[in-house]
C-alpha cells in the first residue's frame, strides 16, 4: 500500500528549510507551537500532473495516474504552520486507496521527534485521541500513520473548529499544536464522492 503523500516532495523541501533554520536562544526543538492567528489559506502546492481543490483550510490534491496505474490518487490534506514561521511545520492527510478500503490518517512531521512516542491526533482535544505510529523517516521529515475506524472518522467530521496534534521531541518534551478543521467535512464529502464514480 502506498503510504507517501502526493505533495510530499514539495513539502519536504519547504520543511527541510524550516528545520535547518537557525534556532533562537530558548527555542524548543519543535519551535513555538502556539497556533498562528487565522489567515487566508494558501493554495496547495501541486505538480504539473496534479490538481487541487480547496475547502476552507483543507484541500483535495489528486495526482495523475502513474505508469501502469489506471486511477489517479487523491488525498484530503492540510498544512500546519507555527507562529512566527512561514514554512510549514507538519502536514495531516486523509487517504483511502479504494472505496471498499478503510480511511487512513497520515502525519508528516519534522525529524527531531521521538519516534517511540508516535504522533497523537485529537479531533476534539480531551475527548478521543488517535495514536499514529511512525512508519519511516527521511532526512527532512518522518511519516506516521494509522487506519481509522468509522467512529474515529466520524469524530473528525463532527468535531469542533480545531483539532490537536501532539509530538514528543528528541529530548522527551511534549508539545501540542492546534489545527483548523474548517472545511474538512466538505473536503471529505467531495473526496468520497470522487471515489464512488
N, C-alpha and C. Protein backbone atom coordinates (compact mmCIF):
# COMPACT_ATOMS: atom_id res chain seq x y z
N UNK A 1 0.84 -1.19 0.00
CA UNK A 1 0.00 0.00 0.00
C UNK A 1 0.88 1.24 0.00
N UNK A 2 0.52 2.22 -0.82
CA UNK A 2 1.30 3.44 -0.91
C UNK A 2 0.98 4.32 0.29
N UNK A 3 2.03 4.66 1.07
CA UNK A 3 1.81 5.48 2.26
C UNK A 3 2.33 6.90 2.11
N UNK A 4 3.07 7.18 1.06
CA UNK A 4 3.62 8.52 0.89
C UNK A 4 2.53 9.48 0.46
N UNK A 5 2.65 10.73 0.85
CA UNK A 5 1.71 11.75 0.46
C UNK A 5 2.02 12.24 -0.94
N UNK A 6 0.98 12.62 -1.68
CA UNK A 6 1.15 13.10 -3.05
C UNK A 6 2.04 14.33 -3.10
N UNK A 7 1.82 15.26 -2.22
CA UNK A 7 2.56 16.52 -2.25
C UNK A 7 3.81 16.48 -1.39
N UNK A 8 4.29 15.29 -1.06
CA UNK A 8 5.42 15.15 -0.14
C UNK A 8 6.68 15.84 -0.63
N UNK A 9 7.01 15.70 -1.90
CA UNK A 9 8.27 16.24 -2.40
C UNK A 9 8.38 17.74 -2.17
N UNK A 10 7.36 18.48 -2.55
CA UNK A 10 7.41 19.93 -2.36
C UNK A 10 7.40 20.28 -0.88
N UNK A 11 6.60 19.54 -0.10
CA UNK A 11 6.52 19.80 1.32
C UNK A 11 7.85 19.52 2.01
N UNK A 12 8.50 18.42 1.65
CA UNK A 12 9.78 18.09 2.27
C UNK A 12 10.83 19.16 2.01
N UNK A 13 10.81 19.73 0.81
CA UNK A 13 11.77 20.79 0.50
C UNK A 13 11.53 21.99 1.42
N UNK A 14 10.25 22.38 1.60
CA UNK A 14 9.94 23.51 2.47
C UNK A 14 10.26 23.18 3.92
N UNK A 15 9.93 21.97 4.35
CA UNK A 15 10.18 21.56 5.72
C UNK A 15 11.66 21.50 6.01
N UNK A 16 12.44 21.04 5.06
CA UNK A 16 13.89 20.97 5.23
C UNK A 16 14.46 22.35 5.51
N UNK A 17 13.98 23.36 4.80
CA UNK A 17 14.45 24.73 5.03
C UNK A 17 14.07 25.19 6.43
N UNK A 18 12.84 24.84 6.87
CA UNK A 18 12.39 25.27 8.19
C UNK A 18 13.18 24.57 9.29
N UNK A 19 13.44 23.28 9.12
CA UNK A 19 14.15 22.51 10.14
C UNK A 19 15.58 22.98 10.29
N UNK A 20 16.20 23.41 9.20
CA UNK A 20 17.60 23.82 9.24
C UNK A 20 17.78 25.32 9.49
N UNK A 21 16.66 26.03 9.74
CA UNK A 21 16.77 27.45 10.06
C UNK A 21 17.44 27.61 11.42
N UNK A 22 18.24 28.67 11.62
CA UNK A 22 18.91 28.83 12.90
C UNK A 22 17.91 29.02 14.04
N UNK A 23 18.14 28.37 15.16
CA UNK A 23 17.25 28.48 16.31
C UNK A 23 17.65 29.66 17.17
N UNK A 24 16.66 30.27 17.81
CA UNK A 24 16.91 31.36 18.75
C UNK A 24 17.11 30.78 20.13
N UNK A 25 17.81 31.48 20.98
CA UNK A 25 18.05 31.02 22.35
C UNK A 25 16.72 30.78 23.04
N UNK A 26 16.61 29.64 23.73
CA UNK A 26 15.39 29.32 24.46
C UNK A 26 14.32 28.66 23.62
N UNK A 27 14.57 28.48 22.33
CA UNK A 27 13.58 27.83 21.48
C UNK A 27 13.47 26.35 21.82
N UNK A 28 12.25 25.84 21.76
CA UNK A 28 12.03 24.39 21.86
C UNK A 28 12.50 23.79 20.55
N UNK A 29 13.04 22.56 20.55
CA UNK A 29 13.44 21.94 19.30
C UNK A 29 12.28 21.83 18.31
N UNK A 30 11.04 21.81 18.80
CA UNK A 30 9.89 21.75 17.91
C UNK A 30 9.39 23.14 17.54
N UNK A 31 9.99 24.17 18.06
CA UNK A 31 9.56 25.53 17.73
C UNK A 31 8.44 25.99 18.65
N UNK A 32 7.92 27.19 18.38
CA UNK A 32 6.81 27.76 19.13
C UNK A 32 5.53 27.12 18.59
N UNK A 33 4.90 26.27 19.37
CA UNK A 33 3.76 25.52 18.88
C UNK A 33 2.43 26.17 19.19
N UNK A 34 2.44 27.45 19.53
CA UNK A 34 1.17 28.14 19.69
C UNK A 34 0.58 28.35 18.30
N UNK A 35 -0.75 28.17 18.15
CA UNK A 35 -1.33 28.35 16.82
C UNK A 35 -1.20 29.78 16.35
N UNK A 36 -0.99 29.94 15.06
CA UNK A 36 -0.94 31.28 14.47
C UNK A 36 -2.35 31.83 14.38
N UNK A 37 -2.52 33.15 14.36
CA UNK A 37 -3.84 33.71 14.14
C UNK A 37 -4.36 33.23 12.78
N UNK A 38 -5.68 33.14 12.67
CA UNK A 38 -6.28 32.66 11.42
C UNK A 38 -5.87 33.57 10.27
N UNK A 39 -5.48 32.95 9.17
CA UNK A 39 -5.15 33.71 7.98
C UNK A 39 -5.76 33.00 6.79
N UNK A 40 -5.78 33.68 5.69
CA UNK A 40 -6.33 33.07 4.48
C UNK A 40 -5.46 31.87 4.09
N UNK A 41 -6.10 30.74 3.77
CA UNK A 41 -5.30 29.57 3.40
C UNK A 41 -4.54 29.80 2.11
N UNK A 42 -3.35 29.23 2.05
CA UNK A 42 -2.53 29.33 0.85
C UNK A 42 -2.91 28.19 -0.08
N UNK A 43 -2.83 28.38 -1.38
CA UNK A 43 -3.16 27.30 -2.29
C UNK A 43 -2.20 26.13 -2.09
N UNK A 44 -2.73 24.93 -2.24
CA UNK A 44 -1.90 23.74 -2.09
C UNK A 44 -0.90 23.68 -3.23
N UNK A 45 0.31 23.19 -2.91
CA UNK A 45 1.30 23.09 -3.96
C UNK A 45 1.07 21.80 -4.74
N UNK A 46 1.05 21.92 -6.02
CA UNK A 46 0.78 20.78 -6.86
C UNK A 46 1.80 20.71 -7.97
N UNK A 47 2.02 19.52 -8.46
CA UNK A 47 2.94 19.33 -9.58
C UNK A 47 2.22 19.53 -10.90
N UNK A 48 2.94 19.34 -12.01
CA UNK A 48 2.33 19.60 -13.31
C UNK A 48 1.20 18.64 -13.64
N UNK A 49 1.19 17.45 -13.08
CA UNK A 49 0.16 16.48 -13.38
C UNK A 49 -0.82 16.29 -12.23
N UNK A 50 -0.94 17.27 -11.36
CA UNK A 50 -1.85 17.14 -10.23
C UNK A 50 -2.86 18.27 -10.23
N UNK A 51 -3.94 18.06 -9.50
CA UNK A 51 -4.99 19.07 -9.37
C UNK A 51 -5.26 19.29 -7.89
N UNK A 52 -5.83 20.44 -7.57
CA UNK A 52 -6.12 20.78 -6.18
C UNK A 52 -7.45 21.51 -6.11
N UNK A 53 -8.24 21.17 -5.09
CA UNK A 53 -9.50 21.86 -4.83
C UNK A 53 -9.54 22.19 -3.35
N UNK A 54 -9.83 23.44 -3.00
CA UNK A 54 -9.75 23.88 -1.61
C UNK A 54 -11.13 24.01 -0.98
N UNK A 55 -11.22 23.56 0.27
CA UNK A 55 -12.44 23.66 1.08
C UNK A 55 -12.02 24.22 2.43
N UNK A 56 -12.19 25.50 2.64
CA UNK A 56 -11.76 26.11 3.89
C UNK A 56 -10.26 25.95 4.06
N UNK A 57 -9.83 25.30 5.15
CA UNK A 57 -8.40 25.12 5.42
C UNK A 57 -7.89 23.75 4.96
N UNK A 58 -8.70 23.02 4.21
CA UNK A 58 -8.34 21.69 3.72
C UNK A 58 -8.41 21.66 2.20
N UNK A 59 -7.62 20.80 1.59
CA UNK A 59 -7.60 20.66 0.13
C UNK A 59 -7.67 19.20 -0.26
N UNK A 60 -8.25 18.97 -1.44
CA UNK A 60 -8.15 17.66 -2.07
C UNK A 60 -7.08 17.80 -3.14
N UNK A 61 -6.03 17.00 -3.04
CA UNK A 61 -4.95 17.02 -4.03
C UNK A 61 -4.95 15.67 -4.73
N UNK A 62 -4.99 15.71 -6.06
CA UNK A 62 -5.01 14.49 -6.85
C UNK A 62 -3.82 14.49 -7.81
N UNK A 63 -3.17 13.35 -7.91
CA UNK A 63 -2.06 13.17 -8.85
C UNK A 63 -2.54 12.34 -10.03
N UNK A 64 -2.01 12.62 -11.19
CA UNK A 64 -2.34 11.84 -12.38
C UNK A 64 -1.89 10.41 -12.18
N UNK A 65 -2.53 9.46 -12.84
CA UNK A 65 -2.10 8.06 -12.69
C UNK A 65 -0.64 7.88 -13.06
N UNK A 66 0.06 7.08 -12.27
CA UNK A 66 1.46 6.78 -12.59
C UNK A 66 1.49 5.67 -13.63
N UNK A 67 2.66 5.40 -14.16
CA UNK A 67 2.80 4.38 -15.19
C UNK A 67 2.26 3.05 -14.68
N UNK A 68 1.36 2.44 -15.45
CA UNK A 68 0.79 1.16 -15.09
C UNK A 68 -0.44 1.25 -14.21
N UNK A 69 -0.74 2.43 -13.67
CA UNK A 69 -1.92 2.59 -12.82
C UNK A 69 -3.07 3.13 -13.65
N UNK A 70 -4.29 2.73 -13.30
CA UNK A 70 -5.45 3.18 -14.08
C UNK A 70 -6.15 4.39 -13.46
N UNK A 71 -6.02 4.57 -12.16
CA UNK A 71 -6.72 5.66 -11.48
C UNK A 71 -5.75 6.67 -10.89
N UNK A 72 -6.21 7.92 -10.84
CA UNK A 72 -5.40 8.92 -10.16
C UNK A 72 -5.54 8.73 -8.66
N UNK A 73 -4.57 9.21 -7.90
CA UNK A 73 -4.54 9.07 -6.45
C UNK A 73 -4.83 10.42 -5.82
N UNK A 74 -5.75 10.42 -4.85
CA UNK A 74 -6.14 11.67 -4.19
C UNK A 74 -6.00 11.55 -2.68
N UNK A 75 -5.92 12.71 -2.03
CA UNK A 75 -5.88 12.78 -0.58
C UNK A 75 -6.52 14.10 -0.15
N UNK A 76 -6.99 14.13 1.09
CA UNK A 76 -7.50 15.35 1.71
C UNK A 76 -6.44 15.78 2.70
N UNK A 77 -5.90 16.99 2.54
CA UNK A 77 -4.83 17.37 3.47
C UNK A 77 -4.84 18.84 3.86
N UNK A 78 -4.07 19.11 4.91
CA UNK A 78 -3.90 20.47 5.41
C UNK A 78 -2.48 20.62 5.91
N UNK A 79 -1.90 21.79 5.67
CA UNK A 79 -0.55 22.09 6.12
C UNK A 79 -0.63 22.92 7.39
N UNK A 80 0.18 22.56 8.38
CA UNK A 80 0.20 23.25 9.66
C UNK A 80 1.45 24.11 9.76
N UNK A 81 1.29 25.32 10.25
CA UNK A 81 2.43 26.21 10.48
C UNK A 81 2.41 26.64 11.95
N UNK A 82 3.52 27.11 12.43
CA UNK A 82 3.59 27.61 13.80
C UNK A 82 3.81 29.13 13.78
N UNK A 83 3.41 29.75 14.87
CA UNK A 83 3.51 31.20 14.98
C UNK A 83 4.95 31.65 14.78
N UNK A 84 5.12 32.67 13.95
CA UNK A 84 6.43 33.24 13.72
C UNK A 84 7.22 32.55 12.60
N UNK A 85 6.64 31.53 11.97
CA UNK A 85 7.32 30.86 10.87
C UNK A 85 6.40 30.82 9.66
N UNK A 86 6.96 31.03 8.49
CA UNK A 86 6.15 30.95 7.28
C UNK A 86 6.22 29.56 6.66
N UNK A 87 7.30 28.84 6.93
CA UNK A 87 7.45 27.50 6.37
C UNK A 87 6.54 26.52 7.10
N UNK A 88 6.05 25.49 6.43
CA UNK A 88 5.18 24.52 7.08
C UNK A 88 5.91 23.74 8.17
N UNK A 89 5.18 23.39 9.20
CA UNK A 89 5.73 22.59 10.30
C UNK A 89 5.36 21.11 10.13
N UNK A 90 4.12 20.87 9.72
CA UNK A 90 3.64 19.49 9.58
C UNK A 90 2.51 19.47 8.55
N UNK A 91 2.14 18.27 8.16
CA UNK A 91 1.02 18.09 7.24
C UNK A 91 0.21 16.91 7.74
N UNK A 92 -1.12 17.03 7.68
CA UNK A 92 -2.04 15.95 8.04
C UNK A 92 -2.86 15.63 6.80
N UNK A 93 -3.02 14.34 6.52
CA UNK A 93 -3.78 13.94 5.33
C UNK A 93 -4.67 12.75 5.65
N UNK A 94 -5.80 12.69 4.95
CA UNK A 94 -6.70 11.54 4.98
C UNK A 94 -6.61 10.88 3.62
N UNK A 95 -6.39 9.55 3.60
CA UNK A 95 -6.24 8.79 2.37
C UNK A 95 -7.17 7.59 2.39
N UNK A 96 -7.63 7.20 1.21
CA UNK A 96 -8.34 5.93 1.05
C UNK A 96 -8.03 5.45 -0.35
N UNK A 97 -7.39 4.30 -0.47
CA UNK A 97 -6.93 3.85 -1.79
C UNK A 97 -8.06 3.36 -2.67
N UNK A 98 -9.17 2.93 -2.08
CA UNK A 98 -10.35 2.50 -2.84
C UNK A 98 -11.57 2.62 -1.94
N UNK A 99 -12.76 2.70 -2.55
CA UNK A 99 -13.97 2.93 -1.76
C UNK A 99 -14.27 1.79 -0.80
N UNK A 100 -13.76 0.58 -1.07
CA UNK A 100 -14.01 -0.54 -0.17
C UNK A 100 -12.88 -0.73 0.86
N UNK A 101 -11.93 0.21 0.89
CA UNK A 101 -10.80 0.16 1.83
C UNK A 101 -11.01 1.16 2.95
N UNK A 102 -10.37 0.94 4.11
CA UNK A 102 -10.51 1.89 5.22
C UNK A 102 -9.78 3.20 4.94
N UNK A 103 -10.23 4.24 5.61
CA UNK A 103 -9.57 5.55 5.52
C UNK A 103 -8.38 5.54 6.48
N UNK A 104 -7.29 6.13 6.04
CA UNK A 104 -6.08 6.23 6.86
C UNK A 104 -5.80 7.71 7.12
N UNK A 105 -5.20 7.99 8.26
CA UNK A 105 -4.74 9.34 8.56
C UNK A 105 -3.23 9.29 8.61
N UNK A 106 -2.60 10.28 7.97
CA UNK A 106 -1.15 10.33 7.85
C UNK A 106 -0.68 11.69 8.35
N UNK A 107 0.41 11.68 9.12
CA UNK A 107 1.03 12.94 9.57
C UNK A 107 2.48 12.95 9.11
N UNK A 108 2.88 14.04 8.52
CA UNK A 108 4.27 14.26 8.10
C UNK A 108 4.82 15.33 9.03
N UNK A 109 5.85 14.99 9.83
CA UNK A 109 6.35 15.88 10.88
C UNK A 109 7.87 15.99 10.81
N UNK A 110 8.46 16.98 11.50
CA UNK A 110 9.93 17.13 11.48
C UNK A 110 10.65 15.92 12.07
N UNK A 111 11.91 15.78 11.73
CA UNK A 111 12.69 14.62 12.18
C UNK A 111 13.15 14.71 13.63
N UNK A 112 13.10 15.86 14.25
CA UNK A 112 13.59 15.99 15.63
C UNK A 112 12.53 15.58 16.65
N UNK A 113 11.88 14.44 16.39
CA UNK A 113 10.86 13.92 17.29
C UNK A 113 11.27 12.55 17.81
N UNK A 114 10.66 12.14 18.91
CA UNK A 114 10.88 10.80 19.43
C UNK A 114 9.98 9.85 18.65
N UNK A 115 10.58 8.95 17.89
CA UNK A 115 9.77 8.03 17.09
C UNK A 115 9.10 6.98 17.96
N UNK A 116 9.60 6.74 19.17
CA UNK A 116 8.98 5.76 20.06
C UNK A 116 7.61 6.23 20.52
N UNK A 117 7.43 7.54 20.65
CA UNK A 117 6.18 8.09 21.17
C UNK A 117 5.09 8.16 20.12
N UNK A 118 5.44 8.18 18.85
CA UNK A 118 4.43 8.33 17.80
C UNK A 118 3.84 9.73 17.80
N UNK A 119 2.79 9.90 17.04
CA UNK A 119 2.08 11.18 16.94
C UNK A 119 0.68 10.96 17.47
N UNK A 120 0.19 11.89 18.27
CA UNK A 120 -1.18 11.82 18.79
C UNK A 120 -2.00 12.90 18.11
N UNK A 121 -3.17 12.52 17.60
CA UNK A 121 -4.07 13.49 16.97
C UNK A 121 -5.44 13.36 17.61
N UNK A 122 -6.01 14.51 17.95
CA UNK A 122 -7.35 14.56 18.53
C UNK A 122 -8.22 15.48 17.70
N UNK A 123 -9.42 15.02 17.36
CA UNK A 123 -10.36 15.87 16.64
C UNK A 123 -10.96 16.89 17.60
N UNK A 124 -11.33 16.45 18.78
CA UNK A 124 -11.80 17.32 19.85
C UNK A 124 -10.86 17.11 21.02
N UNK A 125 -9.90 18.04 21.24
CA UNK A 125 -8.93 17.84 22.31
C UNK A 125 -9.59 17.48 23.64
N UNK A 126 -9.08 16.42 24.25
CA UNK A 126 -9.61 15.97 25.52
C UNK A 126 -10.66 14.89 25.41
N UNK A 127 -11.14 14.60 24.18
CA UNK A 127 -12.21 13.60 24.03
C UNK A 127 -11.66 12.27 23.57
N UNK A 128 -11.20 12.18 22.34
CA UNK A 128 -10.67 10.90 21.85
C UNK A 128 -9.35 11.15 21.11
N UNK A 129 -8.38 10.33 21.42
CA UNK A 129 -7.04 10.50 20.86
C UNK A 129 -6.72 9.33 19.94
N UNK A 130 -6.13 9.63 18.81
CA UNK A 130 -5.70 8.60 17.86
C UNK A 130 -4.18 8.60 17.86
N UNK A 131 -3.60 7.42 18.02
CA UNK A 131 -2.15 7.29 18.05
C UNK A 131 -1.67 6.81 16.68
N UNK A 132 -0.73 7.54 16.10
CA UNK A 132 -0.16 7.20 14.80
C UNK A 132 1.29 6.77 15.00
N UNK A 133 1.59 5.49 14.83
CA UNK A 133 2.99 5.07 14.93
C UNK A 133 3.78 5.55 13.71
N UNK A 134 5.07 5.77 13.91
CA UNK A 134 5.92 6.19 12.79
C UNK A 134 6.18 5.01 11.87
N UNK A 135 6.15 5.29 10.55
CA UNK A 135 6.40 4.27 9.54
C UNK A 135 7.79 4.41 8.94
N UNK A 136 8.23 5.65 8.72
CA UNK A 136 9.55 5.87 8.13
C UNK A 136 9.98 7.31 8.35
N UNK A 137 11.27 7.53 8.17
CA UNK A 137 11.84 8.88 8.23
C UNK A 137 12.81 9.05 7.07
N UNK A 138 12.86 10.26 6.55
CA UNK A 138 13.84 10.66 5.55
C UNK A 138 14.57 11.85 6.14
N UNK A 139 15.63 12.36 5.51
CA UNK A 139 16.37 13.45 6.15
C UNK A 139 15.54 14.66 6.55
N UNK A 140 14.45 14.95 5.84
CA UNK A 140 13.69 16.17 6.15
C UNK A 140 12.43 15.95 6.97
N UNK A 141 11.92 14.72 7.09
CA UNK A 141 10.65 14.52 7.79
C UNK A 141 10.44 13.06 8.14
N UNK A 142 9.48 12.83 9.06
CA UNK A 142 9.06 11.48 9.43
C UNK A 142 7.57 11.33 9.13
N UNK A 143 7.18 10.12 8.75
CA UNK A 143 5.79 9.83 8.40
C UNK A 143 5.20 8.89 9.45
N UNK A 144 4.05 9.29 10.01
CA UNK A 144 3.31 8.45 10.94
C UNK A 144 1.92 8.26 10.37
N UNK A 145 1.34 7.06 10.56
CA UNK A 145 0.01 6.83 10.02
C UNK A 145 -0.74 5.78 10.79
N UNK A 146 -2.07 5.80 10.64
CA UNK A 146 -2.93 4.81 11.29
C UNK A 146 -4.21 4.67 10.49
N UNK A 147 -4.80 3.51 10.60
CA UNK A 147 -6.10 3.24 9.99
C UNK A 147 -7.17 3.79 10.93
N UNK A 148 -8.19 4.43 10.35
CA UNK A 148 -9.26 5.00 11.16
C UNK A 148 -10.48 4.08 11.15
N UNK A 149 -11.09 3.90 12.30
CA UNK A 149 -12.38 3.21 12.36
C UNK A 149 -13.45 4.19 11.86
N UNK A 150 -14.63 3.68 11.58
CA UNK A 150 -15.73 4.56 11.14
C UNK A 150 -16.05 5.59 12.23
N UNK A 151 -16.01 5.16 13.49
CA UNK A 151 -16.29 6.08 14.59
C UNK A 151 -15.22 7.17 14.70
N UNK A 152 -13.95 6.79 14.51
CA UNK A 152 -12.88 7.79 14.57
C UNK A 152 -13.01 8.79 13.44
N UNK A 153 -13.32 8.31 12.24
CA UNK A 153 -13.51 9.22 11.10
C UNK A 153 -14.69 10.14 11.37
N UNK A 154 -15.77 9.60 11.90
CA UNK A 154 -16.94 10.41 12.21
C UNK A 154 -16.61 11.46 13.26
N UNK A 155 -15.69 11.14 14.18
CA UNK A 155 -15.27 12.10 15.19
C UNK A 155 -14.65 13.34 14.56
N UNK A 156 -13.90 13.17 13.47
CA UNK A 156 -13.33 14.32 12.77
C UNK A 156 -14.43 15.10 12.05
N UNK A 157 -15.39 14.41 11.52
CA UNK A 157 -16.44 15.06 10.74
C UNK A 157 -17.39 15.87 11.62
N UNK A 158 -17.58 15.45 12.86
CA UNK A 158 -18.50 16.17 13.73
C UNK A 158 -17.79 16.98 14.79
N UNK A 159 -16.50 17.22 14.62
CA UNK A 159 -15.70 17.88 15.66
C UNK A 159 -15.88 19.39 15.64
N UNK A 160 -15.33 20.02 16.67
CA UNK A 160 -15.36 21.48 16.77
C UNK A 160 -14.45 22.09 15.71
N UNK A 161 -14.13 23.35 15.84
CA UNK A 161 -13.36 24.05 14.81
C UNK A 161 -11.87 23.77 14.84
N UNK A 162 -11.37 23.11 15.90
CA UNK A 162 -9.92 22.88 15.99
C UNK A 162 -9.62 21.48 16.51
N UNK A 163 -8.64 20.86 15.89
CA UNK A 163 -8.11 19.60 16.36
C UNK A 163 -6.76 19.87 17.00
N UNK A 164 -6.07 18.82 17.43
CA UNK A 164 -4.77 19.00 18.06
C UNK A 164 -3.84 17.84 17.69
N UNK A 165 -2.61 18.19 17.37
CA UNK A 165 -1.57 17.20 17.11
C UNK A 165 -0.52 17.36 18.21
N UNK A 166 -0.09 16.24 18.80
CA UNK A 166 0.89 16.25 19.88
C UNK A 166 2.09 15.40 19.49
N UNK A 167 3.27 15.96 19.68
CA UNK A 167 4.53 15.29 19.38
C UNK A 167 5.41 15.32 20.62
N UNK A 168 6.35 14.40 20.68
CA UNK A 168 7.37 14.42 21.73
C UNK A 168 8.71 14.62 21.03
N UNK A 169 9.46 15.65 21.43
CA UNK A 169 10.73 15.91 20.76
C UNK A 169 11.80 14.92 21.21
N UNK A 170 12.96 14.98 20.58
CA UNK A 170 14.04 14.03 20.86
C UNK A 170 14.51 14.09 22.31
N UNK A 171 14.29 15.21 22.99
CA UNK A 171 14.68 15.35 24.40
C UNK A 171 13.59 14.86 25.34
N UNK A 172 12.45 14.39 24.80
CA UNK A 172 11.36 13.88 25.63
C UNK A 172 10.33 14.92 26.03
N UNK A 173 10.42 16.12 25.46
CA UNK A 173 9.49 17.19 25.80
C UNK A 173 8.28 17.14 24.87
N UNK A 174 7.08 17.12 25.45
CA UNK A 174 5.84 17.05 24.68
C UNK A 174 5.41 18.45 24.25
N UNK A 175 4.91 18.55 23.03
CA UNK A 175 4.42 19.83 22.52
C UNK A 175 3.18 19.58 21.68
N UNK A 176 2.21 20.48 21.76
CA UNK A 176 0.94 20.33 21.05
C UNK A 176 0.68 21.54 20.16
N UNK A 177 0.04 21.30 19.03
CA UNK A 177 -0.31 22.35 18.08
C UNK A 177 -1.75 22.14 17.65
N UNK A 178 -2.55 23.18 17.77
CA UNK A 178 -3.93 23.08 17.27
C UNK A 178 -3.94 23.30 15.77
N UNK A 179 -4.90 22.64 15.10
CA UNK A 179 -5.06 22.84 13.67
C UNK A 179 -6.55 23.01 13.36
N UNK A 180 -6.81 23.72 12.27
CA UNK A 180 -8.17 24.03 11.88
C UNK A 180 -8.86 22.82 11.26
N UNK A 181 -10.14 22.66 11.58
CA UNK A 181 -10.97 21.64 10.94
C UNK A 181 -11.96 22.28 9.97
N UNK A 182 -11.83 23.60 9.76
CA UNK A 182 -12.75 24.31 8.88
C UNK A 182 -12.64 23.79 7.45
N UNK A 183 -13.75 23.29 6.93
CA UNK A 183 -13.79 22.78 5.56
C UNK A 183 -13.51 21.30 5.44
N UNK A 184 -13.13 20.64 6.55
CA UNK A 184 -12.79 19.22 6.47
C UNK A 184 -13.99 18.37 6.07
N UNK A 185 -15.18 18.64 6.65
CA UNK A 185 -16.37 17.87 6.28
C UNK A 185 -16.63 17.94 4.78
N UNK A 186 -16.59 19.15 4.22
CA UNK A 186 -16.87 19.33 2.80
C UNK A 186 -15.80 18.65 1.95
N UNK A 187 -14.54 18.75 2.36
CA UNK A 187 -13.45 18.13 1.61
C UNK A 187 -13.60 16.61 1.62
N UNK A 188 -13.91 16.02 2.78
CA UNK A 188 -14.08 14.57 2.85
C UNK A 188 -15.29 14.12 2.04
N UNK A 189 -16.39 14.88 2.08
CA UNK A 189 -17.56 14.54 1.26
C UNK A 189 -17.19 14.49 -0.22
N UNK A 190 -16.50 15.52 -0.69
CA UNK A 190 -16.11 15.58 -2.10
C UNK A 190 -15.13 14.46 -2.44
N UNK A 191 -14.21 14.17 -1.54
CA UNK A 191 -13.22 13.11 -1.74
C UNK A 191 -13.90 11.75 -1.89
N UNK A 192 -14.84 11.44 -0.98
CA UNK A 192 -15.52 10.15 -1.03
C UNK A 192 -16.43 10.05 -2.26
N UNK A 193 -17.04 11.16 -2.66
CA UNK A 193 -17.87 11.15 -3.87
C UNK A 193 -17.04 10.85 -5.10
N UNK A 194 -15.81 11.39 -5.17
CA UNK A 194 -14.92 11.11 -6.30
C UNK A 194 -14.64 9.62 -6.41
N UNK A 195 -14.51 8.95 -5.28
CA UNK A 195 -14.20 7.52 -5.29
C UNK A 195 -15.39 6.66 -5.65
N UNK A 196 -16.60 7.21 -5.55
CA UNK A 196 -17.81 6.46 -5.91
C UNK A 196 -18.01 6.42 -7.42
N UNK A 197 -17.32 7.30 -8.15
CA UNK A 197 -17.50 7.37 -9.61
C UNK A 197 -16.90 6.16 -10.29
